[in-house]
Amino acid sequence: MSNIYQGKNTLFTRRHFLASSLLITGLSFAQGQDSSRKHPNLWNDFEMYEDEKTGAKIYKIITGPSSNTTIYQTHPMWGKNCEHFYFLSNRTTGKMQVHRLERKTKNVSPVLEENTGNFSLSWNTERIYFFKEEKIIKQEPNGRRTEIGIYPQEYGTLIGGIGISADEKWLYCATKKERDEQSILRRINILTGKWEKCAKTPFEIGHVQPNFWNSDLVMFCWETGGDSPQRTWYWSEQTNKVEPFFVEHNELWVTHEVWWGKERALFTIWPYDEQHKELPHGVAETTIENGEKSIINLLTKYPAWHTHGSHNFKWVLGDDFDRNIWLIHPEKKERRLLVSGKIGNDLKVHPHASFLPDSSGIVFNTSRFGYEEIHLVLLPEKFESLPSV
């Protein structure tokens, strides 16, 4: 793999750019069905307002004054039929912990203890898997818990988060020992509690995300805290190899990758200087086959930062540093403004937006009203009704 990331001579310049101006951190997605505006509005009981620029209907589903944030867009956050919504909040104890919203009753309650470490919902059963000291716990929706295994201390530090395979057979994570430049992608069998070593990498692994559509694939990134010479990687159970997903060229700043099909992923390319504003940038997608050939399908060109795709493959979203959320029509390669960005009380939260399981709307973080809240916007009946660029 070494030939892939040699000769990158601007890494420190780009990381300096991030350290001086972007410093961003972050921690969804679930099964879904075909989307159409014939879906009933499940959110009428929540306070609604209209975006002043787009007319979009937006619902306040999690409000302040507590601090609240969505789970990262690479992982599940919804229960069946959107009856439950999982998120992080400090509303109960003053410290961040996982909570659950019951849509029908609007009741919000904690489901895990404060300061719980790594955790992930399953894709289909609404079970939560989490680490408690050295124990790995499976929690059923009714709260019943089962220990599925032990995290061996000799593995070192767990990095990159955890992810559950779509068939709920494996829990994936990455590990790294102190002062060791290498990382190891590992998995534990949820039924037997037996650990397996998947692959070793000469870099730090981040953003471990199993593929919802294909249980054989796990994607992750080369984590640097900024830009890396070769951002996106994947491991296949079929080949038992780690390979680059999209082979970077022209010093592209690739980031915030997320699966969007059996062998396809979305990601953004940040134009970090004037030269790269003339190169491909914005929201892009590619497949494993095309990624190896450095072929991308650029869906829209603008300074995008995060992205996510609808489960019915009809829509893509992208945000920006003004906290706007853009709805992208991938076939037309056209974007239109869905939610106008607004920062309240100088709380510069990022939207970390993701589509609902049924593709009818988007959930996102916002400080529009002065608190760190979670809102939900419904997609319009007509894409053309939204303001164009």
Protein backbone atom coordinates (compact mmCIF):
# COMPACT_ATOMS: atom_id res chain seq x y z
CA MET A 1 0.00 0.00 0.00
CA SER A 2 2.95 2.32 0.44
CA ASN A 3 2.96 3.48 -3.17
CA ILE A 4 -0.47 5.00 -2.68
CA TYR A 5 0.49 7.66 -0.19
CA GLN A 6 4.07 8.56 -1.14
CA GLY A 7 4.99 11.90 -2.67
CA LYS A 8 2.35 13.98 -0.89
CA ASN A 9 4.30 17.15 -0.16
CA THR A 10 1.60 19.56 0.96
CA LEU A 11 0.12 17.65 3.88
CA PHE A 12 1.47 19.97 6.58
CA THR A 13 0.30 23.08 4.76
CA ARG A 14 -3.22 21.71 4.52
CA ARG A 15 -3.26 20.53 8.13
CA HIS A 16 -2.06 23.97 9.21
CA PHE A 17 -5.00 25.44 7.31
CA LEU A 18 -7.41 23.21 9.19
CA ALA A 19 -5.80 23.92 12.56
CA SER A 20 -5.97 27.66 12.01
CA SER A 21 -9.48 27.97 10.65
CA LEU A 22 -11.68 24.87 10.62
CA LEU A 23 -11.16 22.74 13.77
CA ILE A 24 -14.22 20.56 13.66
CA THR A 25 -15.27 17.51 15.62
CA GLY A 26 -18.17 15.21 15.27
CA LEU A 27 -19.81 11.93 16.20
CA SER A 28 -27.13 7.83 11.10
CA PHE A 29 -28.91 6.49 9.19
CA ALA A 30 -31.20 3.46 9.16
CA GLN A 31 -33.25 1.18 7.04
CA GLY A 32 -35.84 2.84 4.85
CA GLN A 33 -38.31 2.50 2.07
CA ASP A 34 -39.12 4.37 -1.09
CA SER A 35 -39.71 8.08 -0.61
CA SER A 36 -42.55 10.14 -1.96
CA ARG A 37 -44.39 13.15 -0.64
CA LYS A 38 -47.38 10.84 -0.13
CA HIS A 39 -45.88 9.89 3.23
CA PRO A 40 -48.07 11.07 6.11
CA ASN A 41 -46.62 13.90 8.16
CA LEU A 42 -45.55 12.24 11.40
CA TRP A 43 -44.35 15.48 12.96
CA ASN A 44 -47.45 17.67 13.12
CA ASP A 45 -47.49 17.59 16.92
CA PHE A 46 -44.11 19.31 17.12
CA GLU A 47 -43.63 23.08 16.93
CA MET A 48 -43.14 24.10 13.31
CA TYR A 49 -41.64 27.14 11.62
CA GLU A 50 -40.92 27.98 8.00
CA ASP A 51 -37.49 28.81 6.66
CA GLU A 52 -37.57 32.47 5.70
CA LYS A 53 -35.60 31.91 2.50
CA THR A 54 -36.93 28.58 1.26
CA GLY A 55 -40.38 28.18 2.79
CA ALA A 56 -39.43 24.69 3.97
CA LYS A 57 -41.40 23.35 6.94
CA ILE A 58 -39.07 22.68 9.86
CA TYR A 59 -39.99 20.99 13.13
CA LYS A 60 -38.30 21.44 16.49
CA ILE A 61 -38.03 17.84 17.64
CA ILE A 62 -35.35 18.31 20.34
CA THR A 63 -35.16 21.72 21.99
CA GLY A 64 -32.91 23.54 24.50
CA PRO A 65 -31.76 24.95 26.81
CA SER A 66 -29.82 21.68 27.08
CA SER A 67 -27.07 20.84 24.60
CA ASN A 68 -28.20 18.28 22.04
CA THR A 69 -26.61 16.67 19.01
CA THR A 70 -27.38 14.03 16.44
CA ILE A 71 -25.42 10.81 16.16
CA TYR A 72 -22.95 11.05 13.29
CA GLN A 73 -24.47 10.53 9.84
CA THR A 74 -22.48 7.33 9.22
CA HIS A 75 -24.41 5.44 11.94
CA PRO A 76 -28.01 4.52 12.80
CA MET A 77 -30.15 6.82 14.93
CA TRP A 78 -33.75 5.80 14.16
CA GLY A 79 -36.08 3.09 15.38
CA LYS A 80 -38.68 1.32 13.27
CA ASN A 81 -41.09 3.64 11.40
CA CYS A 82 -39.37 6.63 13.03
CA GLU A 83 -41.13 5.82 16.29
CA HIS A 84 -37.91 6.41 18.22
CA PHE A 85 -35.07 8.85 17.63
CA TYR A 86 -31.72 8.46 19.40
CA PHE A 87 -29.42 11.39 20.10
CA LEU A 88 -26.91 12.80 22.60
CA SER A 89 -27.90 15.33 25.25
CA ASN A 90 -26.85 16.69 28.62
CA ARG A 91 -30.45 17.45 29.64
CA THR A 92 -30.66 14.78 32.36
CA THR A 93 -27.41 14.97 34.33
CA GLY A 94 -25.51 17.87 32.83
CA LYS A 95 -23.22 15.43 31.01
CA MET A 96 -23.69 14.07 27.51
CA GLN A 97 -25.43 10.71 27.27
CA VAL A 98 -27.61 8.82 24.81
CA HIS A 99 -31.33 9.71 24.95
CA ARG A 100 -34.38 8.47 23.08
CA LEU A 101 -37.32 10.48 21.80
CA GLU A 102 -40.66 8.69 21.53
CA ARG A 103 -42.26 10.45 18.61
CA LYS A 104 -45.90 9.76 19.50
CA THR A 105 -45.66 10.95 23.12
CA LYS A 106 -42.75 13.41 22.73
CA ASN A 107 -41.24 11.77 25.81
CA VAL A 108 -37.44 12.02 26.06
CA SER A 109 -35.48 9.73 28.37
CA PRO A 110 -31.87 8.55 28.78
CA VAL A 111 -31.12 5.03 27.58
CA LEU A 112 -27.45 4.76 28.59
CA GLU A 113 -25.46 6.08 31.52
CA GLU A 114 -23.58 9.38 31.29
CA ASN A 115 -20.04 9.24 29.97
CA THR A 116 -20.72 5.97 28.16
CA GLY A 117 -17.83 5.29 25.84
CA ASN A 118 -18.12 3.89 22.36
CA PHE A 119 -21.63 2.88 21.33
CA SER A 120 -23.72 2.14 18.25
CA LEU A 121 -27.28 1.20 17.43
CA SER A 122 -27.91 -1.81 15.26
CA TRP A 123 -29.34 -1.14 11.82
CA ASN A 124 -32.61 -3.05 12.16
CA THR A 125 -33.40 -4.22 15.71
CA GLU A 126 -32.90 -1.01 17.73
CA ARG A 127 -30.42 -2.73 20.00
CA ILE A 128 -27.61 -0.60 21.41
CA TYR A 129 -24.09 -1.94 21.72
CA PHE A 130 -21.71 -0.13 24.04
CA PHE A 131 -18.50 -0.44 26.01
CA LYS A 132 -18.55 -0.26 29.80
CA GLU A 133 -15.00 -0.48 31.11
CA GLU A 134 -13.67 -3.72 29.58
CA LYS A 135 -17.13 -5.22 29.01
CA ILE A 136 -19.04 -5.06 25.72
CA ILE A 137 -22.79 -4.87 26.34
CA LYS A 138 -25.84 -5.45 24.16
CA GLN A 139 -28.95 -3.60 25.34
CA GLU A 140 -32.41 -4.51 24.04
CA PRO A 141 -35.02 -1.82 23.35
CA ASN A 142 -36.73 -2.79 26.62
CA GLY A 143 -33.50 -2.15 28.55
CA ARG A 144 -32.45 -5.77 29.13
CA ARG A 145 -28.69 -6.18 28.91
CA THR A 146 -26.40 -9.00 27.86
CA GLU A 147 -22.61 -9.11 27.99
CA ILE A 148 -21.31 -10.23 24.61
CA GLY A 149 -17.58 -10.09 25.26
CA ILE A 150 -14.52 -8.50 26.84
CA TYR A 151 -12.17 -5.93 25.34
CA PRO A 152 -8.62 -7.28 25.83
CA GLN A 153 -6.32 -4.71 27.43
CA GLU A 154 -3.39 -5.92 25.33
CA TYR A 155 -5.12 -4.43 22.26
CA GLY A 156 -4.32 -0.94 23.53
CA THR A 157 -6.67 1.97 22.88
CA LEU A 158 -9.90 1.58 20.95
CA ILE A 159 -10.01 4.20 18.17
CA GLY A 160 -12.31 5.17 15.31
CA GLY A 161 -15.59 4.36 17.05
CA ILE A 162 -17.52 1.13 16.66
CA GLY A 163 -19.96 -0.13 14.03
CA ILE A 164 -22.40 -3.02 13.79
CA SER A 165 -22.69 -5.06 10.60
CA ALA A 166 -26.08 -4.97 8.89
CA ASP A 167 -26.63 -8.67 9.62
CA GLU A 168 -25.81 -7.93 13.28
CA LYS A 169 -23.18 -10.65 13.33
CA TRP A 170 -20.11 -8.48 13.94
CA LEU A 171 -19.07 -5.46 15.95
CA TYR A 172 -16.18 -3.65 14.25
CA CYS A 173 -13.62 -1.31 15.79
CA ALA A 174 -9.96 -0.32 15.48
CA THR A 175 -7.18 -0.48 18.06
CA LYS A 176 -3.82 1.16 18.53
CA LYS A 177 -1.04 0.71 21.03
CA GLU A 178 0.81 3.67 22.52
CA ARG A 179 3.72 4.94 20.43
CA ASP A 180 2.82 2.50 17.65
CA GLU A 181 2.20 4.08 14.24
CA GLN A 182 0.12 1.10 13.12
CA SER A 183 -3.55 0.45 13.75
CA ILE A 184 -5.51 -2.78 13.57
CA LEU A 185 -9.06 -3.20 12.31
CA ARG A 186 -10.76 -5.83 14.48
CA ARG A 187 -14.17 -7.38 14.96
CA ILE A 188 -15.90 -9.40 17.63
CA ASN A 189 -18.53 -12.04 16.90
CA ILE A 190 -21.67 -10.83 18.67
CA LEU A 191 -22.94 -14.38 19.20
CA THR A 192 -19.75 -16.07 20.41
CA GLY A 193 -17.72 -13.16 21.81
CA LYS A 194 -14.68 -14.26 19.81
CA TRP A 195 -12.33 -11.59 18.45
CA GLU A 196 -10.82 -11.61 14.97
CA LYS A 197 -8.07 -9.48 13.45
CA CYS A 198 -9.15 -8.11 10.07
CA ALA A 199 -6.16 -6.07 8.91
CA LYS A 200 -3.27 -3.87 9.98
CA THR A 201 -2.67 -0.38 8.60
CA PRO A 202 0.39 1.92 8.77
CA PHE A 203 -1.82 4.84 9.84
CA GLU A 204 -4.43 5.69 12.47
CA ILE A 205 -7.91 4.41 11.62
CA GLY A 206 -10.96 6.64 12.08
CA HIS A 207 -14.70 6.66 11.29
CA VAL A 208 -15.23 2.88 11.20
CA GLN A 209 -18.51 2.28 9.34
CA PRO A 210 -19.91 -1.07 8.16
CA ASN A 211 -21.96 -0.97 4.96
CA PHE A 212 -25.72 -1.17 5.54
CA TRP A 213 -26.34 -2.67 2.08
CA ASN A 214 -23.39 -5.07 2.05
CA SER A 215 -22.27 -6.84 5.23
CA ASP A 216 -18.97 -7.83 3.60
CA LEU A 217 -17.62 -4.27 3.51
CA VAL A 218 -16.33 -1.87 6.16
CA MET A 219 -15.13 1.64 5.32
CA PHE A 220 -12.81 3.80 7.42
CA CYS A 221 -10.49 6.75 7.01
CA TRP A 222 -6.87 7.67 7.58
CA GLU A 223 -7.32 9.89 10.63
CA THR A 224 -4.97 12.87 11.00
CA GLY A 225 -7.22 15.44 12.66
CA GLY A 226 -7.20 17.25 9.32
CA ASP A 227 -6.43 16.21 5.77
CA SER A 228 -4.59 12.98 5.00
CA PRO A 229 -2.70 11.90 1.86
CA GLN A 230 -5.21 9.10 1.19
CA ARG A 231 -8.44 9.57 3.14
CA THR A 232 -10.84 6.72 2.25
CA TRP A 233 -10.20 2.98 2.74
CA TYR A 234 -12.24 -0.19 2.98
CA TRP A 235 -11.84 -3.78 4.11
CA SER A 236 -13.64 -6.65 2.39
CA GLU A 237 -14.51 -9.95 4.02
CA GLN A 238 -14.32 -11.53 0.57
CA THR A 239 -10.69 -10.54 -0.05
CA ASN A 240 -9.57 -10.00 3.56
CA LYS A 241 -7.64 -6.96 2.30
CA VAL A 242 -7.48 -3.26 3.07
CA GLU A 243 -7.59 -1.13 -0.08
CA PRO A 244 -8.12 2.57 -0.87
CA PHE A 245 -11.72 3.40 -1.76
CA PHE A 246 -11.07 6.52 -3.82
CA VAL A 247 -7.43 6.91 -4.85
CA GLU A 248 -6.67 10.60 -4.41
CA HIS A 249 -4.87 12.77 -6.94
CA ASN A 250 -3.98 16.44 -7.33
CA GLU A 251 -3.75 16.74 -3.55
CA LEU A 252 -7.54 16.68 -3.25
CA TRP A 253 -8.86 17.19 0.26
CA VAL A 254 -11.32 14.29 0.48
CA THR A 255 -13.39 14.02 3.65
CA HIS A 256 -16.64 12.91 5.35
CA GLU A 257 -17.21 9.72 3.41
CA VAL A 258 -20.43 7.73 3.91
CA TRP A 259 -21.79 4.58 2.25
CA TRP A 260 -24.56 5.03 -0.34
CA GLY A 261 -25.11 1.56 -1.77
CA LYS A 262 -23.51 -1.88 -1.96
CA GLU A 263 -20.22 -0.58 -3.41
CA ARG A 264 -20.83 3.15 -3.64
CA ALA A 265 -20.01 6.02 -1.29
CA LEU A 266 -20.50 9.77 -1.07
CA PHE A 267 -17.84 12.18 0.09
CA THR A 268 -16.89 15.83 -0.14
CA ILE A 269 -13.81 17.48 -1.63
CA TRP A 270 -12.76 20.70 0.06
CA PRO A 271 -11.17 23.43 -2.13
CA TYR A 272 -8.57 24.50 0.42
CA ASP A 273 -6.77 27.10 -1.70
CA GLU A 274 -7.21 29.11 -4.90
CA GLN A 275 -5.55 26.43 -7.04
CA HIS A 276 -7.95 23.76 -5.82
CA LYS A 277 -10.98 25.91 -6.48
CA GLU A 278 -10.18 25.23 -10.14
CA LEU A 279 -10.06 21.46 -9.55
CA PRO A 280 -12.98 19.10 -8.82
CA HIS A 281 -14.58 19.93 -5.47
CA GLY A 282 -17.97 19.72 -3.80
CA VAL A 283 -20.17 16.67 -3.20
CA ALA A 284 -19.09 13.58 -5.12
CA GLU A 285 -19.79 9.87 -5.38
CA THR A 286 -17.93 6.89 -6.76
CA THR A 287 -17.92 3.11 -6.61
CA ILE A 288 -15.17 0.77 -5.45
CA GLU A 289 -14.28 -0.07 -9.05
CA ASN A 290 -14.21 3.54 -10.20
CA GLY A 291 -12.50 4.71 -7.03
CA GLU A 292 -9.51 2.53 -7.76
CA LYS A 293 -9.27 4.31 -11.12
CA SER A 294 -9.67 7.74 -9.49
CA ILE A 295 -12.97 8.29 -11.30
CA ILE A 296 -15.52 10.44 -9.49
CA ASN A 297 -18.99 11.62 -10.32
CA LEU A 298 -19.19 15.21 -9.09
CA LEU A 299 -22.80 15.88 -8.10
CA THR A 300 -22.45 19.57 -7.38
CA LYS A 301 -19.56 22.03 -7.21
CA TYR A 302 -19.36 24.30 -4.17
CA PRO A 303 -17.40 24.38 -0.85
CA ALA A 304 -19.25 21.48 0.78
CA TRP A 305 -18.20 19.92 4.08
CA HIS A 306 -20.60 17.08 5.10
CA THR A 307 -22.90 14.95 2.96
CA HIS A 308 -25.42 12.11 3.15
CA GLY A 309 -27.68 10.23 0.73
CA SER A 310 -31.32 9.20 0.94
CA HIS A 311 -32.09 5.52 1.26
CA ASN A 312 -34.13 5.52 -1.94
CA PHE A 313 -31.11 6.97 -3.81
CA LYS A 314 -33.14 9.91 -5.12
CA TRP A 315 -31.55 12.66 -3.05
CA VAL A 316 -28.24 13.82 -1.63
CA LEU A 317 -27.60 16.60 0.86
CA GLY A 318 -24.62 18.80 1.52
CA ASP A 319 -23.89 21.48 4.09
CA ASP A 320 -21.34 24.29 4.20
CA PHE A 321 -19.58 26.49 6.75
CA ASP A 322 -22.47 28.97 6.73
CA ARG A 323 -24.64 26.13 8.09
CA ASN A 324 -26.80 26.03 4.96
CA ILE A 325 -28.25 22.66 4.00
CA TRP A 326 -28.50 22.04 0.26
CA LEU A 327 -30.77 19.45 -1.35
CA ILE A 328 -29.04 17.87 -4.34
CA HIS A 329 -30.73 16.16 -7.27
CA PRO A 330 -28.03 13.63 -8.27
CA GLU A 331 -29.42 12.90 -11.74
CA LYS A 332 -29.73 16.57 -12.67
CA LYS A 333 -26.54 17.44 -10.77
CA GLU A 334 -28.35 20.44 -9.39
CA ARG A 335 -28.51 21.80 -5.85
CA ARG A 336 -31.11 24.01 -4.24
CA LEU A 337 -31.22 25.64 -0.83
CA LEU A 338 -33.38 23.72 1.65
CA VAL A 339 -32.43 25.20 5.02
CA SER A 340 -30.74 28.58 5.33
CA GLY A 341 -27.90 28.71 7.80
CA LYS A 342 -28.24 30.74 10.96
CA ILE A 343 -25.99 30.80 14.02
CA GLY A 344 -27.59 31.76 17.32
CA ASN A 345 -25.82 32.91 20.48
CA ASP A 346 -22.47 32.31 18.71
CA LEU A 347 -23.00 28.52 18.96
CA LYS A 348 -21.27 27.34 15.79
CA VAL A 349 -22.64 23.81 15.69
CA HIS A 350 -22.41 21.89 12.44
CA PRO A 351 -25.63 20.47 10.95
CA HIS A 352 -24.34 16.85 10.69
CA ALA A 353 -27.51 16.31 8.71
CA SER A 354 -28.90 12.97 7.56
CA PHE A 355 -32.00 11.69 5.79
CA LEU A 356 -34.88 10.02 7.57
CA PRO A 357 -35.21 6.26 6.99
CA ASP A 358 -38.16 6.82 4.63
CA SER A 359 -36.32 9.59 2.73
CA SER A 360 -39.12 12.07 3.48
CA GLY A 361 -37.02 14.58 5.37
CA ILE A 362 -33.72 15.49 6.98
CA VAL A 363 -32.72 15.78 10.64
CA PHE A 364 -29.97 18.24 11.60
CA ASN A 365 -28.29 20.22 14.38
CA THR A 366 -28.89 23.94 14.65
CA SER A 367 -28.38 26.91 17.00
CA ARG A 368 -30.91 29.09 15.15
CA PHE A 369 -32.83 29.89 18.34
CA GLY A 370 -29.83 30.26 20.63
CA TYR A 371 -29.57 26.69 21.88
CA GLU A 372 -27.98 23.51 20.53
CA GLU A 373 -31.13 21.87 19.19
CA ILE A 374 -32.14 19.17 16.71
CA HIS A 375 -34.66 20.06 14.02
CA LEU A 376 -36.28 18.13 11.18
CA VAL A 377 -37.10 19.50 7.75
CA LEU A 378 -39.52 17.83 5.35
CA LEU A 379 -38.58 17.63 1.69
CA PRO A 380 -40.78 19.81 -0.53
CA GLU A 381 -43.30 18.31 -2.92
CA LYS A 382 -41.42 19.88 -5.81
CA PHE A 383 -37.65 20.26 -5.92
CA GLU A 384 -38.08 23.23 -8.25
CA SER A 385 -39.94 25.14 -5.55
CA LEU A 386 -36.68 25.65 -3.67
CA PRO A 387 -34.40 28.62 -4.42
CA SER A 388 -31.71 27.85 -6.99
CA VAL A 389 -28.07 28.68 -6.49
